[in-house]
Amino acid sequence: MAVFMLLVASGHGGGTPQVQDVPVGDLRATVWTAPDTPRAGQDFHVTVALYRAGQEHDQGVADAQVQVRLLGPAGQVLEAAAELASQVPPVYEADLTLPASGLWQVEVHIQAPTGQGTLTFTVEAQPAASGLPWWLWAALAGGTVAVLGGWWRRRRAATS
Protein backbone atom coordinates (compact mmCIF):
# COMPACT_ATOMS: atom_id res chain seq x y z
CA MET A 1 0.00 0.00 0.00
CA ALA A 2 2.81 2.42 0.82
CA VAL A 3 4.36 2.10 -2.65
CA PHE A 4 0.98 2.65 -4.32
CA MET A 5 0.28 5.78 -2.23
CA LEU A 6 3.78 7.13 -2.91
CA LEU A 7 3.20 6.76 -6.66
CA VAL A 8 -0.14 8.54 -6.40
CA ALA A 9 1.13 11.41 -4.26
CA SER A 10 4.20 12.04 -6.38
CA GLY A 11 2.36 11.76 -9.67
CA HIS A 12 -0.53 14.05 -8.81
CA GLY A 13 0.91 16.89 -6.77
CA GLY A 14 0.16 15.35 -3.42
CA GLY A 15 -1.51 17.84 -1.15
CA THR A 16 -2.86 17.37 2.34
CA PRO A 17 -3.97 13.83 3.15
CA GLN A 18 -7.52 14.06 4.54
CA VAL A 19 -8.37 10.36 4.86
CA GLN A 20 -5.86 7.56 4.45
CA ASP A 21 -6.36 3.90 3.71
CA VAL A 22 -10.01 3.75 4.83
CA PRO A 23 -12.40 0.96 3.81
CA VAL A 24 -15.12 1.58 1.19
CA GLY A 25 -16.82 -1.77 0.63
CA ASP A 26 -14.01 -4.15 -0.27
CA LEU A 27 -11.89 -1.23 -1.49
CA ARG A 28 -9.52 1.09 0.32
CA ALA A 29 -9.39 4.85 -0.30
CA THR A 30 -7.10 7.78 0.32
CA VAL A 31 -8.09 11.40 -0.32
CA TRP A 32 -5.82 14.44 -0.65
CA THR A 33 -6.76 18.10 -1.05
CA ALA A 34 -4.79 21.06 -2.37
CA PRO A 35 -3.82 23.71 -1.64
CA ASP A 36 -2.74 22.95 1.92
CA THR A 37 -4.53 26.13 3.04
CA PRO A 38 -7.73 26.53 1.00
CA ARG A 39 -8.87 30.12 0.35
CA ALA A 40 -12.18 31.62 -0.71
CA GLY A 41 -12.23 32.43 -4.41
CA GLN A 42 -9.47 29.95 -5.24
CA ASP A 43 -9.52 26.48 -6.78
CA PHE A 44 -9.86 23.54 -4.42
CA HIS A 45 -8.43 20.30 -5.81
CA VAL A 46 -9.52 16.87 -4.57
CA THR A 47 -7.55 13.72 -5.45
CA VAL A 48 -8.96 10.26 -4.69
CA ALA A 49 -7.04 6.99 -4.96
CA LEU A 50 -9.00 3.72 -4.82
CA TYR A 51 -7.38 0.31 -4.60
CA ARG A 52 -7.97 -3.29 -3.64
CA ALA A 53 -5.59 -4.56 -1.02
CA GLY A 54 -3.86 -7.60 -2.48
CA GLN A 55 -1.77 -10.34 -0.97
CA GLU A 56 1.38 -9.29 -2.81
CA HIS A 57 0.55 -5.83 -4.11
CA ASP A 58 -2.29 -3.33 -4.23
CA GLN A 59 -4.43 -3.08 -7.34
CA GLY A 60 -5.71 0.31 -8.36
CA VAL A 61 -9.40 0.67 -9.22
CA ALA A 62 -10.22 2.42 -12.50
CA ASP A 63 -13.88 1.45 -12.86
CA ALA A 64 -15.50 3.58 -10.15
CA GLN A 65 -17.70 6.64 -10.16
CA VAL A 66 -16.56 9.33 -7.74
CA GLN A 67 -18.59 12.42 -6.85
CA VAL A 68 -17.30 15.26 -4.67
CA ARG A 69 -19.80 17.38 -2.75
CA LEU A 70 -18.96 20.40 -0.59
CA LEU A 71 -21.37 21.82 1.98
CA GLY A 72 -20.52 25.41 2.94
CA PRO A 73 -20.87 27.41 6.13
CA ALA A 74 -23.93 29.30 4.82
CA GLY A 75 -25.63 26.28 3.26
CA GLN A 76 -23.83 26.46 -0.11
CA VAL A 77 -23.68 23.17 -2.02
CA LEU A 78 -21.02 22.54 -4.66
CA GLU A 79 -20.75 19.29 -6.61
CA ALA A 80 -18.36 17.90 -9.18
CA ALA A 81 -17.73 14.52 -10.72
CA ALA A 82 -14.17 13.38 -10.08
CA GLU A 83 -12.73 12.27 -13.42
CA LEU A 84 -10.27 9.46 -13.89
CA ALA A 85 -7.10 11.49 -14.33
CA SER A 86 -4.62 8.66 -14.65
CA GLN A 87 -4.71 4.95 -15.38
CA VAL A 88 -1.36 4.12 -13.76
CA PRO A 89 -1.90 4.55 -10.92
CA PRO A 90 -5.66 5.12 -11.22
CA VAL A 91 -6.52 8.43 -9.62
CA TYR A 92 -9.72 10.48 -9.68
CA GLU A 93 -9.55 14.29 -9.53
CA ALA A 94 -12.07 17.11 -9.16
CA ASP A 95 -11.64 20.89 -9.05
CA LEU A 96 -14.09 23.26 -7.41
CA THR A 97 -13.88 26.93 -6.42
CA LEU A 98 -14.71 27.79 -2.83
CA PRO A 99 -16.94 30.89 -2.88
CA ALA A 100 -16.60 31.72 0.83
CA SER A 101 -14.34 31.25 3.81
CA GLY A 102 -15.32 29.11 6.77
CA LEU A 103 -15.74 25.46 7.61
CA TRP A 104 -16.65 23.26 4.62
CA GLN A 105 -17.81 19.67 4.88
CA VAL A 106 -16.42 17.54 2.07
CA GLU A 107 -18.23 14.38 1.01
CA VAL A 108 -16.63 11.95 -1.42
CA HIS A 109 -19.21 9.50 -2.77
CA ILE A 110 -17.70 6.36 -4.27
CA GLN A 111 -19.53 3.74 -6.29
CA ALA A 112 -17.64 0.81 -7.76
CA PRO A 113 -18.76 -2.65 -8.91
CA THR A 114 -17.37 -4.16 -5.71
CA GLY A 115 -18.34 -1.54 -3.17
CA GLN A 116 -19.76 1.85 -2.41
CA GLY A 117 -19.58 4.38 0.37
CA THR A 118 -19.08 7.97 1.40
CA LEU A 119 -16.04 9.53 3.01
CA THR A 120 -16.58 12.76 4.96
CA PHE A 121 -14.14 15.30 6.37
CA THR A 122 -13.98 19.06 6.89
CA VAL A 123 -11.61 21.77 5.68
CA GLU A 124 -11.30 25.36 6.85
CA ALA A 125 -11.21 27.86 3.97
CA GLN A 126 -9.41 31.08 4.81
CA PRO A 127 -10.59 34.48 3.53
CA ALA A 128 -9.51 35.46 0.03
CA ALA A 129 -5.94 36.69 -0.24
CA SER A 130 -5.35 40.39 -0.75
CA GLY A 131 -5.51 41.53 -4.35
CA LEU A 132 -1.80 42.30 -4.65
CA PRO A 133 0.98 39.71 -4.41
CA TRP A 134 3.69 40.17 -1.79
CA TRP A 135 6.36 41.06 -4.36
CA LEU A 136 4.27 43.99 -5.62
CA TRP A 137 3.85 45.29 -2.07
CA ALA A 138 7.65 45.03 -1.65
CA ALA A 139 8.23 46.93 -4.92
CA LEU A 140 5.79 49.67 -3.87
CA ALA A 141 7.52 49.98 -0.49
CA GLY A 142 10.94 50.15 -2.15
CA GLY A 143 9.73 52.77 -4.63
CA THR A 144 8.27 54.88 -1.82
CA VAL A 145 11.56 54.75 0.09
CA ALA A 146 13.48 55.78 -3.05
CA VAL A 147 11.16 58.74 -3.77
CA LEU A 148 11.26 59.95 -0.16
CA GLY A 149 15.04 59.55 -0.06
CA GLY A 150 15.43 61.67 -3.24
CA TRP A 151 13.07 64.30 -1.89
CA TRP A 152 14.97 64.43 1.41
CA ARG A 153 18.35 64.84 -0.36
CA ARG A 154 17.02 67.67 -2.58
CA ARG A 155 15.52 69.39 0.44
CA ARG A 156 18.80 69.20 2.37
CA ALA A 157 20.77 70.43 -0.67
CA ALA A 158 18.42 73.40 -1.10
CA THR A 159 18.74 74.50 2.54
CA SER A 160 22.54 74.27 2.65
C-alpha atoms as a PDB file:
ATOM      1  CA  MET A   1       0.000   0.000   0.000  1.00  0.00           C
ATOM      2  CA  ALA A   2       2.812   2.416   0.815  1.00  0.00           C
ATOM      3  CA  VAL A   3       4.362   2.100  -2.648  1.00  0.00           C
ATOM      4  CA  PHE A   4       0.981   2.651  -4.322  1.00  0.00           C
ATOM      5  CA  MET A   5       0.282   5.784  -2.227  1.00  0.00           C
ATOM      6  CA  LEU A   6       3.779   7.129  -2.905  1.00  0.00           C
ATOM      7  CA  LEU A   7       3.202   6.763  -6.655  1.00  0.00           C
ATOM      8  CA  VAL A   8      -0.140   8.544  -6.403  1.00  0.00           C
ATOM      9  CA  ALA A   9       1.132  11.411  -4.256  1.00  0.00           C
ATOM     10  CA  SER A  10       4.204  12.041  -6.377  1.00  0.00           C
ATOM     11  CA  GLY A  11       2.362  11.763  -9.669  1.00  0.00           C
ATOM     12  CA  HIS A  12      -0.525  14.048  -8.813  1.00  0.00           C
ATOM     13  CA  GLY A  13       0.908  16.886  -6.770  1.00  0.00           C
ATOM     14  CA  GLY A  14       0.156  15.345  -3.418  1.00  0.00           C
ATOM     15  CA  GLY A  15      -1.511  17.837  -1.149  1.00  0.00           C
ATOM     16  CA  THR A  16      -2.856  17.366   2.336  1.00  0.00           C
ATOM     17  CA  PRO A  17      -3.974  13.825   3.149  1.00  0.00           C
ATOM     18  CA  GLN A  18      -7.519  14.056   4.539  1.00  0.00           C
ATOM     19  CA  VAL A  19      -8.366  10.360   4.860  1.00  0.00           C
ATOM     20  CA  GLN A  20      -5.861   7.556   4.448  1.00  0.00           C
ATOM     21  CA  ASP A  21      -6.364   3.898   3.707  1.00  0.00           C
ATOM     22  CA  VAL A  22     -10.014   3.750   4.831  1.00  0.00           C
ATOM     23  CA  PRO A  23     -12.402   0.961   3.807  1.00  0.00           C
ATOM     24  CA  VAL A  24     -15.119   1.582   1.192  1.00  0.00           C
ATOM     25  CA  GLY A  25     -16.822  -1.770   0.629  1.00  0.00           C
ATOM     26  CA  ASP A  26     -14.008  -4.149  -0.271  1.00  0.00           C
ATOM     27  CA  LEU A  27     -11.894  -1.228  -1.490  1.00  0.00           C
ATOM     28  CA  ARG A  28      -9.520   1.092   0.324  1.00  0.00           C
ATOM     29  CA  ALA A  29      -9.393   4.849  -0.297  1.00  0.00           C
ATOM     30  CA  THR A  30      -7.098   7.782   0.321  1.00  0.00           C
ATOM     31  CA  VAL A  31      -8.089  11.400  -0.320  1.00  0.00           C
ATOM     32  CA  TRP A  32      -5.816  14.441  -0.647  1.00  0.00           C
ATOM     33  CA  THR A  33      -6.759  18.097  -1.053  1.00  0.00           C
ATOM     34  CA  ALA A  34      -4.791  21.055  -2.371  1.00  0.00           C
ATOM     35  CA  PRO A  35      -3.818  23.711  -1.640  1.00  0.00           C
ATOM     36  CA  ASP A  36      -2.742  22.950   1.921  1.00  0.00           C
ATOM     37  CA  THR A  37      -4.534  26.126   3.039  1.00  0.00           C
ATOM     38  CA  PRO A  38      -7.726  26.533   1.000  1.00  0.00           C
ATOM     39  CA  ARG A  39      -8.874  30.118   0.347  1.00  0.00           C
ATOM     40  CA  ALA A  40     -12.176  31.616  -0.706  1.00  0.00           C
ATOM     41  CA  GLY A  41     -12.231  32.430  -4.407  1.00  0.00           C
ATOM     42  CA  GLN A  42      -9.470  29.949  -5.238  1.00  0.00           C
ATOM     43  CA  ASP A  43      -9.520  26.481  -6.777  1.00  0.00           C
ATOM     44  CA  PHE A  44      -9.863  23.544  -4.415  1.00  0.00           C
ATOM     45  CA  HIS A  45      -8.434  20.303  -5.810  1.00  0.00           C
ATOM     46  CA  VAL A  46      -9.515  16.866  -4.568  1.00  0.00           C
ATOM     47  CA  THR A  47      -7.552  13.724  -5.448  1.00  0.00           C
ATOM     48  CA  VAL A  48      -8.958  10.262  -4.690  1.00  0.00           C
ATOM     49  CA  ALA A  49      -7.044   6.985  -4.958  1.00  0.00           C
ATOM     50  CA  LEU A  50      -8.997   3.720  -4.824  1.00  0.00           C
ATOM     51  CA  TYR A  51      -7.384   0.310  -4.595  1.00  0.00           C
ATOM     52  CA  ARG A  52      -7.974  -3.287  -3.636  1.00  0.00           C
ATOM     53  CA  ALA A  53      -5.589  -4.555  -1.024  1.00  0.00           C
ATOM     54  CA  GLY A  54      -3.858  -7.596  -2.478  1.00  0.00           C
ATOM     55  CA  GLN A  55      -1.772 -10.340  -0.971  1.00  0.00           C
ATOM     56  CA  GLU A  56       1.377  -9.294  -2.812  1.00  0.00           C
ATOM     57  CA  HIS A  57       0.555  -5.827  -4.109  1.00  0.00           C
ATOM     58  CA  ASP A  58      -2.288  -3.328  -4.233  1.00  0.00           C
ATOM     59  CA  GLN A  59      -4.431  -3.082  -7.341  1.00  0.00           C
ATOM     60  CA  GLY A  60      -5.711   0.314  -8.360  1.00  0.00           C
ATOM     61  CA  VAL A  61      -9.400   0.667  -9.221  1.00  0.00           C
ATOM     62  CA  ALA A  62     -10.219   2.422 -12.502  1.00  0.00           C
ATOM     63  CA  ASP A  63     -13.882   1.448 -12.858  1.00  0.00           C
ATOM     64  CA  ALA A  64     -15.500   3.578 -10.154  1.00  0.00           C
ATOM     65  CA  GLN A  65     -17.702   6.643 -10.155  1.00  0.00           C
ATOM     66  CA  VAL A  66     -16.558   9.326  -7.736  1.00  0.00           C
ATOM     67  CA  GLN A  67     -18.587  12.416  -6.853  1.00  0.00           C
ATOM     68  CA  VAL A  68     -17.305  15.262  -4.667  1.00  0.00           C
ATOM     69  CA  ARG A  69     -19.804  17.381  -2.745  1.00  0.00           C
ATOM     70  CA  LEU A  70     -18.965  20.399  -0.593  1.00  0.00           C
ATOM     71  CA  LEU A  71     -21.369  21.824   1.976  1.00  0.00           C
ATOM     72  CA  GLY A  72     -20.517  25.406   2.936  1.00  0.00           C
ATOM     73  CA  PRO A  73     -20.873  27.408   6.133  1.00  0.00           C
ATOM     74  CA  ALA A  74     -23.926  29.303   4.823  1.00  0.00           C
ATOM     75  CA  GLY A  75     -25.627  26.283   3.257  1.00  0.00           C
ATOM     76  CA  GLN A  76     -23.829  26.460  -0.105  1.00  0.00           C
ATOM     77  CA  VAL A  77     -23.685  23.172  -2.020  1.00  0.00           C
ATOM     78  CA  LEU A  78     -21.018  22.538  -4.655  1.00  0.00           C
ATOM     79  CA  GLU A  79     -20.752  19.292  -6.613  1.00  0.00           C
ATOM     80  CA  ALA A  80     -18.356  17.901  -9.183  1.00  0.00           C
ATOM     81  CA  ALA A  81     -17.730  14.518 -10.721  1.00  0.00           C
ATOM     82  CA  ALA A  82     -14.172  13.383 -10.078  1.00  0.00           C
ATOM     83  CA  GLU A  83     -12.733  12.273 -13.417  1.00  0.00           C
ATOM     84  CA  LEU A  84     -10.270   9.460 -13.890  1.00  0.00           C
ATOM     85  CA  ALA A  85      -7.097  11.489 -14.332  1.00  0.00           C
ATOM     86  CA  SER A  86      -4.616   8.657 -14.649  1.00  0.00           C
ATOM     87  CA  GLN A  87      -4.708   4.946 -15.385  1.00  0.00           C
ATOM     88  CA  VAL A  88      -1.360   4.125 -13.762  1.00  0.00           C
ATOM     89  CA  PRO A  89      -1.898   4.549 -10.920  1.00  0.00           C
ATOM     90  CA  PRO A  90      -5.655   5.116 -11.217  1.00  0.00           C
ATOM     91  CA  VAL A  91      -6.524   8.430  -9.621  1.00  0.00           C
ATOM     92  CA  TYR A  92      -9.718  10.482  -9.676  1.00  0.00           C
ATOM     93  CA  GLU A  93      -9.554  14.286  -9.531  1.00  0.00           C
ATOM     94  CA  ALA A  94     -12.071  17.113  -9.162  1.00  0.00           C
ATOM     95  CA  ASP A  95     -11.643  20.893  -9.055  1.00  0.00           C
ATOM     96  CA  LEU A  96     -14.088  23.264  -7.410  1.00  0.00           C
ATOM     97  CA  THR A  97     -13.879  26.935  -6.420  1.00  0.00           C
ATOM     98  CA  LEU A  98     -14.710  27.788  -2.827  1.00  0.00           C
ATOM     99  CA  PRO A  99     -16.937  30.891  -2.879  1.00  0.00           C
ATOM    100  CA  ALA A 100     -16.599  31.720   0.827  1.00  0.00           C
ATOM    101  CA  SER A 101     -14.338  31.253   3.807  1.00  0.00           C
ATOM    102  CA  GLY A 102     -15.321  29.106   6.769  1.00  0.00           C
ATOM    103  CA  LEU A 103     -15.738  25.462   7.614  1.00  0.00           C
ATOM    104  CA  TRP A 104     -16.653  23.264   4.622  1.00  0.00           C
ATOM    105  CA  GLN A 105     -17.812  19.669   4.883  1.00  0.00           C
ATOM    106  CA  VAL A 106     -16.418  17.536   2.066  1.00  0.00           C
ATOM    107  CA  GLU A 107     -18.226  14.375   1.013  1.00  0.00           C
ATOM    108  CA  VAL A 108     -16.628  11.946  -1.416  1.00  0.00           C
ATOM    109  CA  HIS A 109     -19.214   9.497  -2.766  1.00  0.00           C
ATOM    110  CA  ILE A 110     -17.699   6.361  -4.272  1.00  0.00           C
ATOM    111  CA  GLN A 111     -19.532   3.742  -6.289  1.00  0.00           C
ATOM    112  CA  ALA A 112     -17.644   0.813  -7.756  1.00  0.00           C
ATOM    113  CA  PRO A 113     -18.759  -2.648  -8.906  1.00  0.00           C
ATOM    114  CA  THR A 114     -17.365  -4.161  -5.706  1.00  0.00           C
ATOM    115  CA  GLY A 115     -18.339  -1.540  -3.169  1.00  0.00           C
ATOM    116  CA  GLN A 116     -19.755   1.853  -2.410  1.00  0.00           C
ATOM    117  CA  GLY A 117     -19.584   4.376   0.368  1.00  0.00           C
ATOM    118  CA  THR A 118     -19.085   7.972   1.398  1.00  0.00           C
ATOM    119  CA  LEU A 119     -16.042   9.531   3.012  1.00  0.00           C
ATOM    120  CA  THR A 120     -16.580  12.757   4.960  1.00  0.00           C
ATOM    121  CA  PHE A 121     -14.137  15.300   6.373  1.00  0.00           C
ATOM    122  CA  THR A 122     -13.975  19.058   6.889  1.00  0.00           C
ATOM    123  CA  VAL A 123     -11.615  21.774   5.678  1.00  0.00           C
ATOM    124  CA  GLU A 124     -11.298  25.365   6.853  1.00  0.00           C
ATOM    125  CA  ALA A 125     -11.208  27.857   3.974  1.00  0.00           C
ATOM    126  CA  GLN A 126      -9.411  31.082   4.809  1.00  0.00           C
ATOM    127  CA  PRO A 127     -10.593  34.478   3.529  1.00  0.00           C
ATOM    128  CA  ALA A 128      -9.513  35.457   0.032  1.00  0.00           C
ATOM    129  CA  ALA A 129      -5.945  36.690  -0.236  1.00  0.00           C
ATOM    130  CA  SER A 130      -5.354  40.394  -0.746  1.00  0.00           C
ATOM    131  CA  GLY A 131      -5.511  41.530  -4.349  1.00  0.00           C
ATOM    132  CA  LEU A 132      -1.803  42.302  -4.654  1.00  0.00           C
ATOM    133  CA  PRO A 133       0.977  39.709  -4.409  1.00  0.00           C
ATOM    134  CA  TRP A 134       3.688  40.165  -1.793  1.00  0.00           C
ATOM    135  CA  TRP A 135       6.360  41.060  -4.361  1.00  0.00           C
ATOM    136  CA  LEU A 136       4.265  43.986  -5.622  1.00  0.00           C
ATOM    137  CA  TRP A 137       3.846  45.288  -2.069  1.00  0.00           C
ATOM    138  CA  ALA A 138       7.649  45.033  -1.649  1.00  0.00           C
ATOM    139  CA  ALA A 139       8.225  46.928  -4.922  1.00  0.00           C
ATOM    140  CA  LEU A 140       5.795  49.666  -3.867  1.00  0.00           C
ATOM    141  CA  ALA A 141       7.515  49.978  -0.490  1.00  0.00           C
ATOM    142  CA  GLY A 142      10.939  50.148  -2.146  1.00  0.00           C
ATOM    143  CA  GLY A 143       9.726  52.774  -4.626  1.00  0.00           C
ATOM    144  CA  THR A 144       8.269  54.876  -1.816  1.00  0.00           C
ATOM    145  CA  VAL A 145      11.560  54.754   0.094  1.00  0.00           C
ATOM    146  CA  ALA A 146      13.483  55.779  -3.053  1.00  0.00           C
ATOM    147  CA  VAL A 147      11.161  58.744  -3.769  1.00  0.00           C
ATOM    148  CA  LEU A 148      11.261  59.949  -0.162  1.00  0.00           C
ATOM    149  CA  GLY A 149      15.043  59.548  -0.059  1.00  0.00           C
ATOM    150  CA  GLY A 150      15.434  61.669  -3.235  1.00  0.00           C
ATOM    151  CA  TRP A 151      13.071  64.302  -1.888  1.00  0.00           C
ATOM    152  CA  TRP A 152      14.972  64.425   1.415  1.00  0.00           C
ATOM    153  CA  ARG A 153      18.345  64.837  -0.365  1.00  0.00           C
ATOM    154  CA  ARG A 154      17.024  67.667  -2.583  1.00  0.00           C
ATOM    155  CA  ARG A 155      15.522  69.395   0.442  1.00  0.00           C
ATOM    156  CA  ARG A 156      18.802  69.204   2.372  1.00  0.00           C
ATOM    157  CA  ALA A 157      20.773  70.429  -0.665  1.00  0.00           C
ATOM    158  CA  ALA A 158      18.417  73.399  -1.102  1.00  0.00           C
ATOM    159  CA  THR A 159      18.743  74.496   2.543  1.00  0.00           C
ATOM    160  CA  SER A 160      22.538  74.272   2.651  1.00  0.00           C
END
